[in-house]
Amino acid sequence: MRFRFLTRSVASLVHVAVIAAPAYAVDGVVLINQTAALNGNVTPGDGPGFPVEITQPGTYRLSSNLTVPDADTDAILILARDVTLDLNGFSIVGPNTCHVDQVPAGPVTCDFQGRGVGISGVAATNTSVFNGTIRGMGSDQSTSEACSVSRTSNASARSATEAMESF
């Protein structure tokens, strides 16, 4: 009986460890999706929910859209140097809505509320973010900042214009 209890206990611990560990792609890239964001532990110190905190240098890739339900919350907070974030064609979507005023090519207007941004970098030197869109985030910024990387130095934000056009 003790052996059976011990076996189940070890199996449960292994199961919990697997759930809490970050997911890696075959090439060693850390994968980020909605489930990982909500569970936390994408990197050491990352708590459950948003923002996803990237605290380690490395390469990260979205494997699904990220939907941020609160307009006052950032989606991803980069706290490390030397980070590459491939949005992998996915979107970071906040609760605010945007629409084209005239069909087919009128200006984009957004009803922004809140202060959250898609990606914020505090110490994000040598950081690159590319290949996706950020939309519907907070309003305490201009429309272009709500759709790109915010507060980074020496950063590359490729396709920020495409993010604006994807509303």
C-alpha atoms as a PDB file:
ATOM      1  CA  MET A   1       0.000   0.000   0.000  1.00  0.00           C
ATOM      2  CA  ARG A   2       2.828   2.424   0.824  1.00  0.00           C
ATOM      3  CA  PHE A   3       4.497   1.654  -2.492  1.00  0.00           C
ATOM      4  CA  ARG A   4       1.295   2.450  -4.390  1.00  0.00           C
ATOM      5  CA  PHE A   5       0.900   5.771  -2.490  1.00  0.00           C
ATOM      6  CA  LEU A   6       4.532   6.690  -3.166  1.00  0.00           C
ATOM      7  CA  THR A   7       4.165   5.845  -6.848  1.00  0.00           C
ATOM      8  CA  ARG A   8       1.064   8.026  -7.167  1.00  0.00           C
ATOM      9  CA  SER A   9       2.715  10.875  -5.270  1.00  0.00           C
ATOM     10  CA  VAL A  10       5.786  10.842  -7.519  1.00  0.00           C
ATOM     11  CA  ALA A  11       3.585  10.656 -10.624  1.00  0.00           C
ATOM     12  CA  SER A  12       1.582  13.655  -9.387  1.00  0.00           C
ATOM     13  CA  LEU A  13       4.740  15.686  -8.752  1.00  0.00           C
ATOM     14  CA  VAL A  14       6.063  14.895 -12.223  1.00  0.00           C
ATOM     15  CA  HIS A  15       2.700  15.910 -13.694  1.00  0.00           C
ATOM     16  CA  VAL A  16       2.767  19.254 -11.833  1.00  0.00           C
ATOM     17  CA  ALA A  17       6.377  19.897 -12.863  1.00  0.00           C
ATOM     18  CA  VAL A  18       5.520  19.312 -16.519  1.00  0.00           C
ATOM     19  CA  ILE A  19       2.546  21.695 -16.362  1.00  0.00           C
ATOM     20  CA  ALA A  20       4.563  24.453 -14.669  1.00  0.00           C
ATOM     21  CA  ALA A  21       7.583  24.228 -16.989  1.00  0.00           C
ATOM     22  CA  PRO A  22       7.801  26.563 -19.997  1.00  0.00           C
ATOM     23  CA  ALA A  23       7.132  25.034 -23.411  1.00  0.00           C
ATOM     24  CA  TYR A  24       9.979  24.906 -25.896  1.00  0.00           C
ATOM     25  CA  ALA A  25       9.893  24.498 -29.654  1.00  0.00           C
ATOM     26  CA  VAL A  26      12.094  21.884 -31.282  1.00  0.00           C
ATOM     27  CA  ASP A  27      14.728  24.579 -31.913  1.00  0.00           C
ATOM     28  CA  GLY A  28      14.912  25.601 -28.214  1.00  0.00           C
ATOM     29  CA  VAL A  29      12.781  28.719 -28.602  1.00  0.00           C
ATOM     30  CA  VAL A  30      10.443  29.428 -25.681  1.00  0.00           C
ATOM     31  CA  LEU A  31       6.827  29.273 -26.851  1.00  0.00           C
ATOM     32  CA  ILE A  32       4.238  31.696 -25.475  1.00  0.00           C
ATOM     33  CA  ASN A  33       0.502  31.142 -25.897  1.00  0.00           C
ATOM     34  CA  GLN A  34      -2.654  32.146 -24.031  1.00  0.00           C
ATOM     35  CA  THR A  35      -2.474  29.132 -21.699  1.00  0.00           C
ATOM     36  CA  ALA A  36       1.194  29.780 -20.844  1.00  0.00           C
ATOM     37  CA  ALA A  37       0.394  33.440 -20.164  1.00  0.00           C
ATOM     38  CA  LEU A  38      -2.459  32.556 -17.830  1.00  0.00           C
ATOM     39  CA  ASN A  39      -0.449  29.834 -16.024  1.00  0.00           C
ATOM     40  CA  GLY A  40       2.744  31.900 -15.631  1.00  0.00           C
ATOM     41  CA  ASN A  41       6.336  30.654 -15.305  1.00  0.00           C
ATOM     42  CA  VAL A  42       7.227  31.498 -18.914  1.00  0.00           C
ATOM     43  CA  THR A  43      10.522  32.661 -17.393  1.00  0.00           C
ATOM     44  CA  PRO A  44      11.653  32.686 -13.746  1.00  0.00           C
ATOM     45  CA  GLY A  45       9.596  35.179 -11.747  1.00  0.00           C
ATOM     46  CA  ASP A  46       6.719  35.327 -14.239  1.00  0.00           C
ATOM     47  CA  GLY A  47       3.452  35.105 -12.320  1.00  0.00           C
ATOM     48  CA  PRO A  48       0.129  33.862 -13.657  1.00  0.00           C
ATOM     49  CA  GLY A  49      -1.817  36.151 -15.973  1.00  0.00           C
ATOM     50  CA  PHE A  50      -0.735  39.282 -17.785  1.00  0.00           C
ATOM     51  CA  PRO A  51       1.736  40.721 -18.286  1.00  0.00           C
ATOM     52  CA  VAL A  52       3.950  37.846 -19.375  1.00  0.00           C
ATOM     53  CA  GLU A  53       7.318  38.793 -17.882  1.00  0.00           C
ATOM     54  CA  ILE A  54      10.387  37.908 -19.927  1.00  0.00           C
ATOM     55  CA  THR A  55      13.250  37.961 -17.423  1.00  0.00           C
ATOM     56  CA  GLN A  56      15.876  35.974 -19.329  1.00  0.00           C
ATOM     57  CA  PRO A  57      17.779  36.683 -22.557  1.00  0.00           C
ATOM     58  CA  GLY A  58      16.770  34.400 -25.405  1.00  0.00           C
ATOM     59  CA  THR A  59      14.383  33.795 -28.250  1.00  0.00           C
ATOM     60  CA  TYR A  60      10.636  33.674 -27.680  1.00  0.00           C
ATOM     61  CA  ARG A  61       7.821  32.905 -30.115  1.00  0.00           C
ATOM     62  CA  LEU A  62       4.062  33.248 -29.886  1.00  0.00           C
ATOM     63  CA  SER A  63       2.224  30.025 -30.680  1.00  0.00           C
ATOM     64  CA  SER A  64      -1.268  31.581 -30.469  1.00  0.00           C
ATOM     65  CA  ASN A  65      -2.920  34.968 -30.233  1.00  0.00           C
ATOM     66  CA  LEU A  66      -2.730  36.624 -26.813  1.00  0.00           C
ATOM     67  CA  THR A  67      -5.958  38.245 -25.624  1.00  0.00           C
ATOM     68  CA  VAL A  68      -5.549  40.743 -22.805  1.00  0.00           C
ATOM     69  CA  PRO A  69      -8.919  41.350 -21.113  1.00  0.00           C
ATOM     70  CA  ASP A  70      -7.910  44.457 -19.114  1.00  0.00           C
ATOM     71  CA  ALA A  71      -7.134  47.752 -20.906  1.00  0.00           C
ATOM     72  CA  ASP A  72      -4.844  48.824 -18.034  1.00  0.00           C
ATOM     73  CA  THR A  73      -2.565  45.778 -18.303  1.00  0.00           C
ATOM     74  CA  ASP A  74       0.420  45.249 -20.603  1.00  0.00           C
ATOM     75  CA  ALA A  75       0.534  41.988 -22.558  1.00  0.00           C
ATOM     76  CA  ILE A  76       4.298  41.349 -22.453  1.00  0.00           C
ATOM     77  CA  LEU A  77       6.873  43.021 -20.233  1.00  0.00           C
ATOM     78  CA  ILE A  78      10.479  42.540 -21.340  1.00  0.00           C
ATOM     79  CA  LEU A  79      12.809  42.865 -18.341  1.00  0.00           C
ATOM     80  CA  ALA A  80      15.938  41.377 -19.920  1.00  0.00           C
ATOM     81  CA  ARG A  81      18.483  42.367 -22.533  1.00  0.00           C
ATOM     82  CA  ASP A  82      19.137  40.391 -25.704  1.00  0.00           C
ATOM     83  CA  VAL A  83      15.572  39.246 -26.344  1.00  0.00           C
ATOM     84  CA  THR A  84      14.124  38.244 -29.702  1.00  0.00           C
ATOM     85  CA  LEU A  85      10.338  38.029 -29.777  1.00  0.00           C
ATOM     86  CA  ASP A  86       8.805  36.527 -32.914  1.00  0.00           C
ATOM     87  CA  LEU A  87       5.063  37.148 -32.914  1.00  0.00           C
ATOM     88  CA  ASN A  88       4.935  34.371 -35.535  1.00  0.00           C
ATOM     89  CA  GLY A  89       2.066  35.961 -37.464  1.00  0.00           C
ATOM     90  CA  PHE A  90      -0.151  36.083 -34.370  1.00  0.00           C
ATOM     91  CA  SER A  91      -1.722  39.096 -32.668  1.00  0.00           C
ATOM     92  CA  ILE A  92      -1.706  40.631 -29.231  1.00  0.00           C
ATOM     93  CA  VAL A  93      -5.267  41.841 -28.792  1.00  0.00           C
ATOM     94  CA  GLY A  94      -6.580  44.178 -26.123  1.00  0.00           C
ATOM     95  CA  PRO A  95     -10.210  44.941 -25.273  1.00  0.00           C
ATOM     96  CA  ASN A  96     -10.428  48.204 -27.257  1.00  0.00           C
ATOM     97  CA  THR A  97     -11.976  48.180 -30.721  1.00  0.00           C
ATOM     98  CA  CYS A  98     -10.856  49.904 -33.889  1.00  0.00           C
ATOM     99  CA  HIS A  99     -12.600  50.388 -37.192  1.00  0.00           C
ATOM    100  CA  VAL A 100     -12.093  51.943 -40.608  1.00  0.00           C
ATOM    101  CA  ASP A 101     -14.138  55.135 -40.931  1.00  0.00           C
ATOM    102  CA  GLN A 102     -14.689  54.826 -44.677  1.00  0.00           C
ATOM    103  CA  VAL A 103     -14.791  51.753 -46.837  1.00  0.00           C
ATOM    104  CA  PRO A 104     -12.464  50.743 -48.450  1.00  0.00           C
ATOM    105  CA  ALA A 105      -9.535  52.887 -47.282  1.00  0.00           C
ATOM    106  CA  GLY A 106     -10.555  55.462 -44.708  1.00  0.00           C
ATOM    107  CA  PRO A 107      -8.582  56.313 -41.581  1.00  0.00           C
ATOM    108  CA  VAL A 108      -8.500  53.904 -38.678  1.00  0.00           C
ATOM    109  CA  THR A 109     -10.086  55.199 -35.478  1.00  0.00           C
ATOM    110  CA  CYS A 110      -9.982  53.497 -32.124  1.00  0.00           C
ATOM    111  CA  ASP A 111     -11.963  53.898 -28.945  1.00  0.00           C
ATOM    112  CA  PHE A 112      -9.040  53.534 -26.568  1.00  0.00           C
ATOM    113  CA  GLN A 113      -9.401  53.255 -22.815  1.00  0.00           C
ATOM    114  CA  GLY A 114      -6.787  52.219 -20.261  1.00  0.00           C
ATOM    115  CA  ARG A 115      -3.009  52.435 -20.138  1.00  0.00           C
ATOM    116  CA  GLY A 116      -1.853  48.934 -21.131  1.00  0.00           C
ATOM    117  CA  VAL A 117       0.479  48.470 -24.079  1.00  0.00           C
ATOM    118  CA  GLY A 118       1.134  45.376 -26.146  1.00  0.00           C
ATOM    119  CA  ILE A 119       4.851  45.061 -25.405  1.00  0.00           C
ATOM    120  CA  SER A 120       6.744  47.115 -22.873  1.00  0.00           C
ATOM    121  CA  GLY A 121      10.478  46.959 -22.313  1.00  0.00           C
ATOM    122  CA  VAL A 122      12.079  48.377 -19.193  1.00  0.00           C
ATOM    123  CA  ALA A 123      15.694  47.293 -19.778  1.00  0.00           C
ATOM    124  CA  ALA A 124      15.167  45.922 -23.253  1.00  0.00           C
ATOM    125  CA  THR A 125      18.432  46.741 -24.994  1.00  0.00           C
ATOM    126  CA  ASN A 126      19.282  44.671 -28.048  1.00  0.00           C
ATOM    127  CA  THR A 127      15.655  43.592 -28.336  1.00  0.00           C
ATOM    128  CA  SER A 128      13.856  42.677 -31.530  1.00  0.00           C
ATOM    129  CA  VAL A 129      10.103  42.216 -31.977  1.00  0.00           C
ATOM    130  CA  PHE A 130       8.671  41.249 -35.339  1.00  0.00           C
ATOM    131  CA  ASN A 131       6.165  39.374 -37.493  1.00  0.00           C
ATOM    132  CA  GLY A 132       2.804  40.133 -35.918  1.00  0.00           C
ATOM    133  CA  THR A 133       0.261  42.720 -34.876  1.00  0.00           C
ATOM    134  CA  ILE A 134      -0.703  44.514 -31.687  1.00  0.00           C
ATOM    135  CA  ARG A 135      -4.165  46.047 -31.516  1.00  0.00           C
ATOM    136  CA  GLY A 136      -6.807  47.214 -29.117  1.00  0.00           C
ATOM    137  CA  MET A 137      -4.483  48.149 -26.273  1.00  0.00           C
ATOM    138  CA  GLY A 138      -4.790  51.234 -24.005  1.00  0.00           C
ATOM    139  CA  SER A 139      -5.156  54.930 -24.790  1.00  0.00           C
ATOM    140  CA  ASP A 140      -2.522  56.726 -22.725  1.00  0.00           C
ATOM    141  CA  GLN A 141      -0.425  56.904 -25.869  1.00  0.00           C
ATOM    142  CA  SER A 142      -0.783  57.726 -29.534  1.00  0.00           C
ATOM    143  CA  THR A 143      -2.347  55.144 -31.815  1.00  0.00           C
ATOM    144  CA  SER A 144       1.023  54.155 -33.263  1.00  0.00           C
ATOM    145  CA  GLU A 145       2.492  53.514 -29.809  1.00  0.00           C
ATOM    146  CA  ALA A 146      -0.505  51.367 -28.896  1.00  0.00           C
ATOM    147  CA  CYS A 147       0.407  49.208 -31.846  1.00  0.00           C
ATOM    148  CA  SER A 148       4.151  48.793 -31.411  1.00  0.00           C
ATOM    149  CA  VAL A 149       6.913  48.371 -28.882  1.00  0.00           C
ATOM    150  CA  SER A 150       6.904  50.872 -26.033  1.00  0.00           C
ATOM    151  CA  ARG A 151       9.732  52.164 -23.809  1.00  0.00           C
ATOM    152  CA  THR A 152      12.682  50.286 -25.249  1.00  0.00           C
ATOM    153  CA  SER A 153      16.162  51.377 -26.228  1.00  0.00           C
ATOM    154  CA  ASN A 154      18.220  49.990 -29.078  1.00  0.00           C
ATOM    155  CA  ALA A 155      15.157  47.985 -30.068  1.00  0.00           C
ATOM    156  CA  SER A 156      13.913  46.869 -33.427  1.00  0.00           C
ATOM    157  CA  ALA A 157      10.181  46.828 -33.998  1.00  0.00           C
ATOM    158  CA  ARG A 158       9.714  45.489 -37.498  1.00  0.00           C
ATOM    159  CA  SER A 159       6.266  45.625 -39.065  1.00  0.00           C
ATOM    160  CA  ALA A 160       4.913  48.302 -36.711  1.00  0.00           C
ATOM    161  CA  THR A 161       3.374  49.986 -39.747  1.00  0.00           C
ATOM    162  CA  GLU A 162       1.812  46.687 -40.715  1.00  0.00           C
ATOM    163  CA  ALA A 163       0.353  46.481 -37.206  1.00  0.00           C
ATOM    164  CA  MET A 164      -1.343  49.846 -37.764  1.00  0.00           C
ATOM    165  CA  GLU A 165      -2.710  48.672 -41.091  1.00  0.00           C
ATOM    166  CA  SER A 166      -4.026  45.415 -39.643  1.00  0.00           C
ATOM    167  CA  PHE A 167      -6.725  47.059 -37.514  1.00  0.00           C
END
